[in-house]
Structures are given as structure tokens and as C-alpha cells.
Amino acid sequence: MAHLTAVPNQDRIYVLAADSTSMSTQLLVEALARDSQLQMIESPSNSVAILNLVKRDRPHVAVISAKLGETNVGGFDLVREIRTQSPGTRVIVLLDASERTAVIEAFRAGAQGVYCRTEPFRLLSKCIQCVHQGQVWASATEFQFVIDALAKPPLADFHANGASLLSAREIDVVRCVAEGLTNREIAQRLKLTEHTVKNYLFRIFDKLGVSSRVEVVLYALGNGGSRPVPLAANRRQAQTASVPARVTTSIPVAIRKTAN
């Protein structure tokens, strides 16, 4: 009869898990706890509780759902916060499907692995162990998504005098604008309201000294060299002007400041 050898606590991998709901988190923790190498930490499915546990327990690995049980709150913002609050904690993002946008956003946020629920559950323990050892976990298709994204023209470095011109969230919005997404599409991708997206765009316009989405894209892609000269505009014009949301190759002669 075979006997299981207990793994010393100091050799265990401390794993914090937070799925989309409390019930799914409990099931996830119970299933992973069957692996003697893993010491599980169960977390409520909200960002505040997760961050508090991360700061208190400093887990080696955090397994976080891309969709938490909060309104308009996604796992990608939380990944950034975890990486800031506990740089030593490696993050794996649980995805419902291996969609290009979700995979790219997860790695951009600082995740070291993505795990799709369509994969066999038995591989999740291996995923955790690999990420803990400093490896990156993704399928061949998911890696290709990342490679394709890296092959695109890089965005400009939004820094001046050593300080960041834009917040991380504002840079996310700029990336979406550079891809030609509408405000609605940006809102859906970033889990925001369209009104919030518009407010972000106004702040981006002010910080970069530009007056249109086209100028934001030119600035982001580094075209035209120096920082664009701001055009005369006000908030009322911004709300009523009708510049196309998707970027075209030609720039209108008269561009009014618009976030639409």
C-alpha cells in the first residue's frame, strides 16, 4: 500500500484563489487543495478583499478570474494592483474562453499565465507550478496572440521629465483608440461605461495637448515627431462635434476636440 509523504510547509506553494463567485471559488480551492504541494488561500470575489489578503499573506501565486463578482470590475485592473502591491506574487488569470483581446490584456496587465476553463482541470496545478518557477503559461494559440500584438507598431512612451503623462488606465484607452475601437467597444473591453470612456478621452486630450482621436493616434504611434500643438476647442464643442470614431488615413482640415 502506497503512503503519501507530506510536503513540508516551507516547500509548499502558497496560492490565493478568487473565482467569479464565492461558490466557484470554494470549489476551485477544494479541488486544488488535493495537490499536496499547494497551500490554498480562499478569497472573497471582490478586489478589496483580494488585495488585503495579498498584502497580508504574500502568496507565491494568485489565481484570479478575469470576471469577478463585482459590477464593472474586471480582473485585469486587479492584476495590475497585485503586481504593484506584491511584486513577488505571480498571477494567473482564469479565462472563460481563449479570446485574443482577453489574452493580450491579461499579459499587458502583468499576468505570468492565462488558463482557459476549456482546458483539463488537472493541468491547472501544473500551470501554477510552472508559473511559480518563473515560467510563462499559455497555449500555442494564446502565445500567437501575444506575438501578433508585439508585431504591431509600438506606442510612444508617455513620459516627460521622468514622470508618466498618462495613468495606466488612460494608456489602455489610448491603445484601444489606436486599434480603431469606438467608445462603446472600448467600454465593453475595459468594463467601463461609455460616459467614463469619454471622460478618460477628455483627460487624455488635455494631458497630451491634442484635440482629436486622430491626433491621439498620431501621438501614440510617434508620427510627426514633436508633441502636437493643441487646437482651440471647448467641452461643449467636444460633446457636439462629429469626428468619426475609427481612424482614417486622412486628417480633416478643421478638427474640433471630440471624444465621440
C-alpha atoms as a PDB file:
ATOM      1  CA  MET A   1       0.000   0.000   0.000  1.00  0.00           C
ATOM      2  CA  ALA A   2       1.404   3.368  -1.058  1.00  0.00           C
ATOM      3  CA  HIS A   3       1.807   6.116   1.516  1.00  0.00           C
ATOM      4  CA  LEU A   4       1.637   9.841   0.755  1.00  0.00           C
ATOM      5  CA  THR A   5       4.593  11.833   2.021  1.00  0.00           C
ATOM      6  CA  ALA A   6       3.601  15.190   3.483  1.00  0.00           C
ATOM      7  CA  VAL A   7       5.253  18.175   1.854  1.00  0.00           C
ATOM      8  CA  PRO A   8       6.893  20.490   4.444  1.00  0.00           C
ATOM      9  CA  ASN A   9       5.084  23.834   4.717  1.00  0.00           C
ATOM     10  CA  GLN A  10       8.185  25.785   3.684  1.00  0.00           C
ATOM     11  CA  ASP A  11       8.273  23.823   0.420  1.00  0.00           C
ATOM     12  CA  ARG A  12       4.623  24.372  -0.439  1.00  0.00           C
ATOM     13  CA  ILE A  13       3.393  26.880  -2.978  1.00  0.00           C
ATOM     14  CA  TYR A  14       1.049  29.359  -1.321  1.00  0.00           C
ATOM     15  CA  VAL A  15      -1.781  30.007  -3.769  1.00  0.00           C
ATOM     16  CA  LEU A  16      -4.534  32.599  -3.396  1.00  0.00           C
ATOM     17  CA  ALA A  17      -7.636  31.787  -5.447  1.00  0.00           C
ATOM     18  CA  ALA A  18     -10.533  34.073  -6.327  1.00  0.00           C
ATOM     19  CA  ASP A  19     -13.082  32.959  -8.904  1.00  0.00           C
ATOM     20  CA  SER A  20     -16.082  34.873 -10.226  1.00  0.00           C
ATOM     21  CA  THR A  21     -18.371  33.821  -7.345  1.00  0.00           C
ATOM     22  CA  SER A  22     -17.926  32.600  -3.761  1.00  0.00           C
ATOM     23  CA  MET A  23     -19.251  29.156  -4.640  1.00  0.00           C
ATOM     24  CA  SER A  24     -16.952  28.688  -7.621  1.00  0.00           C
ATOM     25  CA  THR A  25     -14.017  29.949  -5.531  1.00  0.00           C
ATOM     26  CA  GLN A  26     -14.752  27.369  -2.839  1.00  0.00           C
ATOM     27  CA  LEU A  27     -14.944  24.566  -5.406  1.00  0.00           C
ATOM     28  CA  LEU A  28     -11.704  25.745  -7.009  1.00  0.00           C
ATOM     29  CA  VAL A  29      -9.874  25.855  -3.680  1.00  0.00           C
ATOM     30  CA  GLU A  30     -11.124  22.418  -2.625  1.00  0.00           C
ATOM     31  CA  ALA A  31     -10.072  20.876  -5.933  1.00  0.00           C
ATOM     32  CA  LEU A  32      -6.593  22.439  -5.931  1.00  0.00           C
ATOM     33  CA  ALA A  33      -6.048  21.556  -2.254  1.00  0.00           C
ATOM     34  CA  ARG A  34      -5.903  17.888  -3.278  1.00  0.00           C
ATOM     35  CA  ASP A  35      -2.412  18.627  -4.589  1.00  0.00           C
ATOM     36  CA  SER A  36      -0.138  18.281  -1.555  1.00  0.00           C
ATOM     37  CA  GLN A  37       2.303  20.826  -2.997  1.00  0.00           C
ATOM     38  CA  LEU A  38      -0.267  23.626  -2.855  1.00  0.00           C
ATOM     39  CA  GLN A  39      -1.282  25.547   0.253  1.00  0.00           C
ATOM     40  CA  MET A  40      -4.548  27.236  -0.672  1.00  0.00           C
ATOM     41  CA  ILE A  41      -5.840  30.635   0.452  1.00  0.00           C
ATOM     42  CA  GLU A  42      -9.535  31.178  -0.285  1.00  0.00           C
ATOM     43  CA  SER A  43     -10.541  34.765  -1.046  1.00  0.00           C
ATOM     44  CA  PRO A  44     -13.885  36.536  -1.454  1.00  0.00           C
ATOM     45  CA  SER A  45     -14.636  37.526  -5.047  1.00  0.00           C
ATOM     46  CA  ASN A  46     -14.023  41.245  -4.678  1.00  0.00           C
ATOM     47  CA  SER A  47     -10.930  43.309  -5.352  1.00  0.00           C
ATOM     48  CA  VAL A  48     -10.620  44.939  -1.919  1.00  0.00           C
ATOM     49  CA  ALA A  49     -10.622  41.605  -0.078  1.00  0.00           C
ATOM     50  CA  ILE A  50      -8.208  40.085  -2.577  1.00  0.00           C
ATOM     51  CA  LEU A  51      -5.725  42.950  -2.240  1.00  0.00           C
ATOM     52  CA  ASN A  52      -5.932  42.814   1.551  1.00  0.00           C
ATOM     53  CA  LEU A  53      -5.169  39.092   1.533  1.00  0.00           C
ATOM     54  CA  VAL A  54      -2.341  39.546  -0.960  1.00  0.00           C
ATOM     55  CA  LYS A  55      -0.726  42.231   1.218  1.00  0.00           C
ATOM     56  CA  ARG A  56      -1.204  40.168   4.375  1.00  0.00           C
ATOM     57  CA  ASP A  57      -0.226  36.679   3.180  1.00  0.00           C
ATOM     58  CA  ARG A  58       2.092  37.448   0.229  1.00  0.00           C
ATOM     59  CA  PRO A  59       1.106  34.319  -1.736  1.00  0.00           C
ATOM     60  CA  HIS A  60       3.542  32.908  -4.272  1.00  0.00           C
ATOM     61  CA  VAL A  61       0.809  32.681  -6.910  1.00  0.00           C
ATOM     62  CA  ALA A  62      -2.621  34.291  -7.272  1.00  0.00           C
ATOM     63  CA  VAL A  63      -5.228  32.625  -9.477  1.00  0.00           C
ATOM     64  CA  ILE A  64      -7.732  35.344 -10.393  1.00  0.00           C
ATOM     65  CA  SER A  65     -10.823  35.202 -12.579  1.00  0.00           C
ATOM     66  CA  ALA A  66     -10.952  37.747 -15.392  1.00  0.00           C
ATOM     67  CA  LYS A  67     -14.564  38.380 -14.344  1.00  0.00           C
ATOM     68  CA  LEU A  68     -15.052  38.969 -10.655  1.00  0.00           C
ATOM     69  CA  GLY A  69     -18.395  39.162  -8.901  1.00  0.00           C
ATOM     70  CA  GLU A  70     -18.455  42.970  -8.923  1.00  0.00           C
ATOM     71  CA  THR A  71     -20.266  45.384 -11.199  1.00  0.00           C
ATOM     72  CA  ASN A  72     -17.983  46.841 -13.896  1.00  0.00           C
ATOM     73  CA  VAL A  73     -14.862  45.469 -12.232  1.00  0.00           C
ATOM     74  CA  GLY A  74     -12.558  43.160 -14.146  1.00  0.00           C
ATOM     75  CA  GLY A  75      -9.620  41.042 -13.157  1.00  0.00           C
ATOM     76  CA  PHE A  76      -7.136  42.923 -15.353  1.00  0.00           C
ATOM     77  CA  ASP A  77      -7.119  46.061 -13.181  1.00  0.00           C
ATOM     78  CA  LEU A  78      -6.727  43.847 -10.151  1.00  0.00           C
ATOM     79  CA  VAL A  79      -3.736  42.093 -11.721  1.00  0.00           C
ATOM     80  CA  ARG A  80      -2.010  45.459 -12.036  1.00  0.00           C
ATOM     81  CA  GLU A  81      -2.744  46.256  -8.394  1.00  0.00           C
ATOM     82  CA  ILE A  82      -1.455  42.893  -7.199  1.00  0.00           C
ATOM     83  CA  ARG A  83       1.765  43.321  -9.155  1.00  0.00           C
ATOM     84  CA  THR A  84       2.181  46.771  -7.592  1.00  0.00           C
ATOM     85  CA  GLN A  85       1.312  45.783  -4.022  1.00  0.00           C
ATOM     86  CA  SER A  86       3.154  42.442  -4.032  1.00  0.00           C
ATOM     87  CA  PRO A  87       5.736  42.218  -6.856  1.00  0.00           C
ATOM     88  CA  GLY A  88       6.778  38.758  -5.695  1.00  0.00           C
ATOM     89  CA  THR A  89       3.301  37.332  -6.299  1.00  0.00           C
ATOM     90  CA  ARG A  90       2.878  35.800  -9.742  1.00  0.00           C
ATOM     91  CA  VAL A  91      -0.577  35.994 -11.284  1.00  0.00           C
ATOM     92  CA  ILE A  92      -2.568  33.544 -13.384  1.00  0.00           C
ATOM     93  CA  VAL A  93      -5.766  34.830 -15.000  1.00  0.00           C
ATOM     94  CA  LEU A  94      -8.685  32.419 -15.430  1.00  0.00           C
ATOM     95  CA  LEU A  95     -10.440  32.956 -18.761  1.00  0.00           C
ATOM     96  CA  ASP A  96     -13.826  31.666 -19.877  1.00  0.00           C
ATOM     97  CA  ALA A  97     -12.530  31.471 -23.443  1.00  0.00           C
ATOM     98  CA  SER A  98      -9.173  31.967 -25.182  1.00  0.00           C
ATOM     99  CA  GLU A  99     -10.156  35.222 -26.849  1.00  0.00           C
ATOM    100  CA  ARG A 100      -7.428  37.360 -28.397  1.00  0.00           C
ATOM    101  CA  THR A 101      -8.344  40.550 -26.537  1.00  0.00           C
ATOM    102  CA  ALA A 102      -8.580  38.886 -23.130  1.00  0.00           C
ATOM    103  CA  VAL A 103      -5.271  37.060 -23.541  1.00  0.00           C
ATOM    104  CA  ILE A 104      -3.401  40.192 -24.614  1.00  0.00           C
ATOM    105  CA  GLU A 105      -4.972  42.313 -21.859  1.00  0.00           C
ATOM    106  CA  ALA A 106      -4.037  39.728 -19.228  1.00  0.00           C
ATOM    107  CA  PHE A 107      -0.361  39.756 -20.178  1.00  0.00           C
ATOM    108  CA  ARG A 108      -0.322  43.538 -20.599  1.00  0.00           C
ATOM    109  CA  ALA A 109      -1.677  43.822 -17.058  1.00  0.00           C
ATOM    110  CA  GLY A 110       1.270  41.792 -15.774  1.00  0.00           C
ATOM    111  CA  ALA A 111      -0.008  38.220 -15.607  1.00  0.00           C
ATOM    112  CA  GLN A 112       2.533  35.404 -15.953  1.00  0.00           C
ATOM    113  CA  GLY A 113      -0.047  32.924 -17.145  1.00  0.00           C
ATOM    114  CA  VAL A 114      -3.529  32.554 -18.607  1.00  0.00           C
ATOM    115  CA  TYR A 115      -5.623  29.455 -18.078  1.00  0.00           C
ATOM    116  CA  CYS A 116      -8.778  28.795 -20.072  1.00  0.00           C
ATOM    117  CA  ARG A 117     -11.611  26.892 -18.418  1.00  0.00           C
ATOM    118  CA  THR A 118     -11.909  24.721 -21.521  1.00  0.00           C
ATOM    119  CA  GLU A 119      -8.572  23.086 -20.639  1.00  0.00           C
ATOM    120  CA  PRO A 120      -8.486  19.934 -18.461  1.00  0.00           C
ATOM    121  CA  PHE A 121      -8.584  20.908 -14.799  1.00  0.00           C
ATOM    122  CA  ARG A 122      -5.691  18.587 -13.970  1.00  0.00           C
ATOM    123  CA  LEU A 123      -3.383  20.944 -15.894  1.00  0.00           C
ATOM    124  CA  LEU A 124      -4.128  23.888 -13.596  1.00  0.00           C
ATOM    125  CA  SER A 125      -1.838  22.535 -10.855  1.00  0.00           C
ATOM    126  CA  LYS A 126       0.934  22.163 -13.418  1.00  0.00           C
ATOM    127  CA  CYS A 127       0.233  25.709 -14.620  1.00  0.00           C
ATOM    128  CA  ILE A 128       0.610  27.013 -11.042  1.00  0.00           C
ATOM    129  CA  GLN A 129       3.864  25.133 -10.515  1.00  0.00           C
ATOM    130  CA  CYS A 130       5.335  26.363 -13.814  1.00  0.00           C
ATOM    131  CA  VAL A 131       4.405  29.986 -13.114  1.00  0.00           C
ATOM    132  CA  HIS A 132       5.829  29.699  -9.597  1.00  0.00           C
ATOM    133  CA  GLN A 133       9.118  28.538 -11.145  1.00  0.00           C
ATOM    134  CA  GLY A 134       9.262  31.673 -13.285  1.00  0.00           C
ATOM    135  CA  GLN A 135       7.840  30.270 -16.487  1.00  0.00           C
ATOM    136  CA  VAL A 136       5.008  31.703 -18.592  1.00  0.00           C
ATOM    137  CA  TRP A 137       1.905  29.583 -19.153  1.00  0.00           C
ATOM    138  CA  ALA A 138      -0.168  29.896 -22.315  1.00  0.00           C
ATOM    139  CA  SER A 139      -1.271  27.663 -25.157  1.00  0.00           C
ATOM    140  CA  ALA A 140       0.328  27.893 -28.594  1.00  0.00           C
ATOM    141  CA  THR A 141      -2.671  29.839 -29.875  1.00  0.00           C
ATOM    142  CA  GLU A 142      -2.532  32.251 -26.943  1.00  0.00           C
ATOM    143  CA  PHE A 143       1.196  32.814 -27.474  1.00  0.00           C
ATOM    144  CA  GLN A 144       0.472  33.636 -31.085  1.00  0.00           C
ATOM    145  CA  PHE A 145      -1.994  36.317 -29.981  1.00  0.00           C
ATOM    146  CA  VAL A 146       0.770  37.940 -27.940  1.00  0.00           C
ATOM    147  CA  ILE A 147       3.324  37.667 -30.745  1.00  0.00           C
ATOM    148  CA  ASP A 148       0.897  39.279 -33.188  1.00  0.00           C
ATOM    149  CA  ALA A 149       0.300  42.127 -30.742  1.00  0.00           C
ATOM    150  CA  LEU A 150       4.051  42.691 -30.334  1.00  0.00           C
ATOM    151  CA  ALA A 151       4.432  42.828 -34.105  1.00  0.00           C
ATOM    152  CA  LYS A 152       2.195  45.910 -34.284  1.00  0.00           C
ATOM    153  CA  PRO A 153       3.808  49.392 -34.252  1.00  0.00           C
ATOM    154  CA  PRO A 154       4.713  50.229 -30.643  1.00  0.00           C
ATOM    155  CA  LEU A 155       3.024  53.096 -28.873  1.00  0.00           C
ATOM    156  CA  ALA A 156       5.018  56.134 -27.818  1.00  0.00           C
ATOM    157  CA  ASP A 157       6.487  56.322 -24.327  1.00  0.00           C
ATOM    158  CA  PHE A 158       4.075  58.559 -22.447  1.00  0.00           C
ATOM    159  CA  HIS A 159       6.666  60.025 -20.106  1.00  0.00           C
ATOM    160  CA  ALA A 160       8.069  63.506 -19.612  1.00  0.00           C
ATOM    161  CA  ASN A 161      10.777  64.595 -17.156  1.00  0.00           C
ATOM    162  CA  GLY A 162      10.761  61.114 -15.661  1.00  0.00           C
ATOM    163  CA  ALA A 163       7.048  61.189 -14.818  1.00  0.00           C
ATOM    164  CA  SER A 164       4.212  59.445 -16.602  1.00  0.00           C
ATOM    165  CA  LEU A 165       1.937  61.731 -18.603  1.00  0.00           C
ATOM    166  CA  LEU A 166      -0.893  59.207 -18.567  1.00  0.00           C
ATOM    167  CA  SER A 167      -2.170  56.772 -15.989  1.00  0.00           C
ATOM    168  CA  ALA A 168      -2.147  53.041 -16.749  1.00  0.00           C
ATOM    169  CA  ARG A 169      -5.888  53.177 -17.437  1.00  0.00           C
ATOM    170  CA  GLU A 170      -5.513  56.146 -19.787  1.00  0.00           C
ATOM    171  CA  ILE A 171      -2.828  54.266 -21.717  1.00  0.00           C
ATOM    172  CA  ASP A 172      -5.266  51.346 -22.040  1.00  0.00           C
ATOM    173  CA  VAL A 173      -7.786  53.748 -23.562  1.00  0.00           C
ATOM    174  CA  VAL A 174      -5.159  55.105 -25.965  1.00  0.00           C
ATOM    175  CA  ARG A 175      -4.322  51.564 -27.090  1.00  0.00           C
ATOM    176  CA  CYS A 176      -7.981  50.953 -27.838  1.00  0.00           C
ATOM    177  CA  VAL A 177      -8.249  54.211 -29.782  1.00  0.00           C
ATOM    178  CA  ALA A 178      -5.145  53.235 -31.776  1.00  0.00           C
ATOM    179  CA  GLU A 179      -6.902  49.982 -32.701  1.00  0.00           C
ATOM    180  CA  GLY A 180      -9.817  51.995 -34.054  1.00  0.00           C
ATOM    181  CA  LEU A 181     -12.353  50.969 -31.423  1.00  0.00           C
ATOM    182  CA  THR A 182     -15.479  53.053 -30.810  1.00  0.00           C
ATOM    183  CA  ASN A 183     -16.333  54.376 -27.350  1.00  0.00           C
ATOM    184  CA  ARG A 184     -18.833  51.556 -26.934  1.00  0.00           C
ATOM    185  CA  GLU A 185     -16.252  48.934 -27.902  1.00  0.00           C
ATOM    186  CA  ILE A 186     -13.689  50.498 -25.548  1.00  0.00           C
ATOM    187  CA  ALA A 187     -16.251  50.462 -22.742  1.00  0.00           C
ATOM    188  CA  GLN A 188     -17.001  46.790 -23.352  1.00  0.00           C
ATOM    189  CA  ARG A 189     -13.329  45.805 -23.467  1.00  0.00           C
ATOM    190  CA  LEU A 190     -12.285  47.754 -20.369  1.00  0.00           C
ATOM    191  CA  LYS A 191     -15.500  47.075 -18.420  1.00  0.00           C
ATOM    192  CA  LEU A 192     -16.386  50.771 -18.212  1.00  0.00           C
ATOM    193  CA  THR A 193     -19.375  52.922 -19.120  1.00  0.00           C
ATOM    194  CA  GLU A 194     -19.292  54.979 -22.313  1.00  0.00           C
ATOM    195  CA  HIS A 195     -19.528  58.131 -20.185  1.00  0.00           C
ATOM    196  CA  THR A 196     -16.395  57.104 -18.271  1.00  0.00           C
ATOM    197  CA  VAL A 197     -14.561  56.391 -21.527  1.00  0.00           C
ATOM    198  CA  LYS A 198     -15.453  59.861 -22.797  1.00  0.00           C
ATOM    199  CA  ASN A 199     -14.145  61.426 -19.577  1.00  0.00           C
ATOM    200  CA  TYR A 200     -10.892  59.493 -19.947  1.00  0.00           C
ATOM    201  CA  LEU A 201     -10.550  60.783 -23.508  1.00  0.00           C
ATOM    202  CA  PHE A 202     -11.026  64.392 -22.411  1.00  0.00           C
ATOM    203  CA  ARG A 203      -8.286  63.999 -19.809  1.00  0.00           C
ATOM    204  CA  ILE A 204      -6.009  62.357 -22.398  1.00  0.00           C
ATOM    205  CA  PHE A 205      -6.631  65.245 -24.803  1.00  0.00           C
ATOM    206  CA  ASP A 206      -5.704  67.757 -22.102  1.00  0.00           C
ATOM    207  CA  LYS A 207      -2.575  65.897 -20.960  1.00  0.00           C
ATOM    208  CA  LEU A 208      -1.218  65.299 -24.473  1.00  0.00           C
ATOM    209  CA  GLY A 209      -2.229  68.709 -25.778  1.00  0.00           C
ATOM    210  CA  VAL A 210      -4.287  67.295 -28.642  1.00  0.00           C
ATOM    211  CA  SER A 211      -7.843  67.885 -29.832  1.00  0.00           C
ATOM    212  CA  SER A 212      -8.990  64.745 -31.625  1.00  0.00           C
ATOM    213  CA  ARG A 213      -8.786  60.966 -31.684  1.00  0.00           C
ATOM    214  CA  VAL A 214      -6.704  61.178 -34.857  1.00  0.00           C
ATOM    215  CA  GLU A 215      -4.077  63.290 -33.098  1.00  0.00           C
ATOM    216  CA  VAL A 216      -4.055  60.852 -30.185  1.00  0.00           C
ATOM    217  CA  VAL A 217      -3.238  58.019 -32.594  1.00  0.00           C
ATOM    218  CA  LEU A 218      -0.510  60.034 -34.338  1.00  0.00           C
ATOM    219  CA  TYR A 219       0.994  60.909 -30.968  1.00  0.00           C
ATOM    220  CA  ALA A 220       0.772  57.301 -29.771  1.00  0.00           C
ATOM    221  CA  LEU A 221       2.440  55.919 -32.871  1.00  0.00           C
ATOM    222  CA  GLY A 222       5.177  58.563 -32.702  1.00  0.00           C
ATOM    223  CA  ASN A 223       4.302  60.134 -36.061  1.00  0.00           C
ATOM    224  CA  GLY A 224       5.039  63.773 -36.625  1.00  0.00           C
ATOM    225  CA  GLY A 225       7.866  63.923 -34.118  1.00  0.00           C
ATOM    226  CA  SER A 226       7.119  66.584 -31.547  1.00  0.00           C
ATOM    227  CA  ARG A 227       4.049  66.918 -29.421  1.00  0.00           C
ATOM    228  CA  PRO A 228       1.067  68.306 -31.396  1.00  0.00           C
ATOM    229  CA  VAL A 229       0.013  71.882 -30.812  1.00  0.00           C
ATOM    230  CA  PRO A 230      -3.418  71.982 -29.121  1.00  0.00           C
ATOM    231  CA  LEU A 231      -6.251  73.361 -31.229  1.00  0.00           C
ATOM    232  CA  ALA A 232      -8.787  75.809 -29.842  1.00  0.00           C
ATOM    233  CA  ALA A 233     -11.782  73.922 -28.505  1.00  0.00           C
ATOM    234  CA  ASN A 234     -14.026  73.691 -25.507  1.00  0.00           C
ATOM    235  CA  ARG A 235     -16.010  70.982 -23.761  1.00  0.00           C
ATOM    236  CA  ARG A 236     -19.312  71.970 -25.382  1.00  0.00           C
ATOM    237  CA  GLN A 237     -17.757  71.558 -28.842  1.00  0.00           C
ATOM    238  CA  ALA A 238     -16.328  68.236 -27.738  1.00  0.00           C
ATOM    239  CA  GLN A 239     -19.755  66.917 -26.886  1.00  0.00           C
ATOM    240  CA  THR A 240     -21.389  68.011 -30.141  1.00  0.00           C
ATOM    241  CA  ALA A 241     -18.668  67.544 -32.764  1.00  0.00           C
ATOM    242  CA  SER A 242     -18.907  64.509 -35.025  1.00  0.00           C
ATOM    243  CA  VAL A 243     -15.458  63.216 -35.953  1.00  0.00           C
ATOM    244  CA  PRO A 244     -15.512  59.519 -36.997  1.00  0.00           C
ATOM    245  CA  ALA A 245     -14.574  57.148 -34.175  1.00  0.00           C
ATOM    246  CA  ARG A 246     -12.397  54.947 -36.369  1.00  0.00           C
ATOM    247  CA  VAL A 247      -9.095  56.287 -37.583  1.00  0.00           C
ATOM    248  CA  THR A 248      -8.689  57.017 -41.282  1.00  0.00           C
ATOM    249  CA  THR A 249      -5.604  57.826 -43.326  1.00  0.00           C
ATOM    250  CA  SER A 250      -6.610  61.423 -43.939  1.00  0.00           C
ATOM    251  CA  ILE A 251      -6.888  64.160 -41.311  1.00  0.00           C
ATOM    252  CA  PRO A 252      -9.732  66.699 -41.574  1.00  0.00           C
ATOM    253  CA  VAL A 253      -8.652  70.280 -42.274  1.00  0.00           C
ATOM    254  CA  ALA A 254     -10.568  71.584 -39.273  1.00  0.00           C
ATOM    255  CA  ILE A 255     -10.581  69.243 -36.294  1.00  0.00           C
ATOM    256  CA  ARG A 256     -12.634  70.035 -33.256  1.00  0.00           C
ATOM    257  CA  LYS A 257     -11.978  68.411 -29.904  1.00  0.00           C
ATOM    258  CA  THR A 258     -14.216  65.361 -29.707  1.00  0.00           C
ATOM    259  CA  ALA A 259     -14.351  62.215 -27.639  1.00  0.00           C
ATOM    260  CA  ASN A 260     -17.098  60.645 -29.763  1.00  0.00           C
END
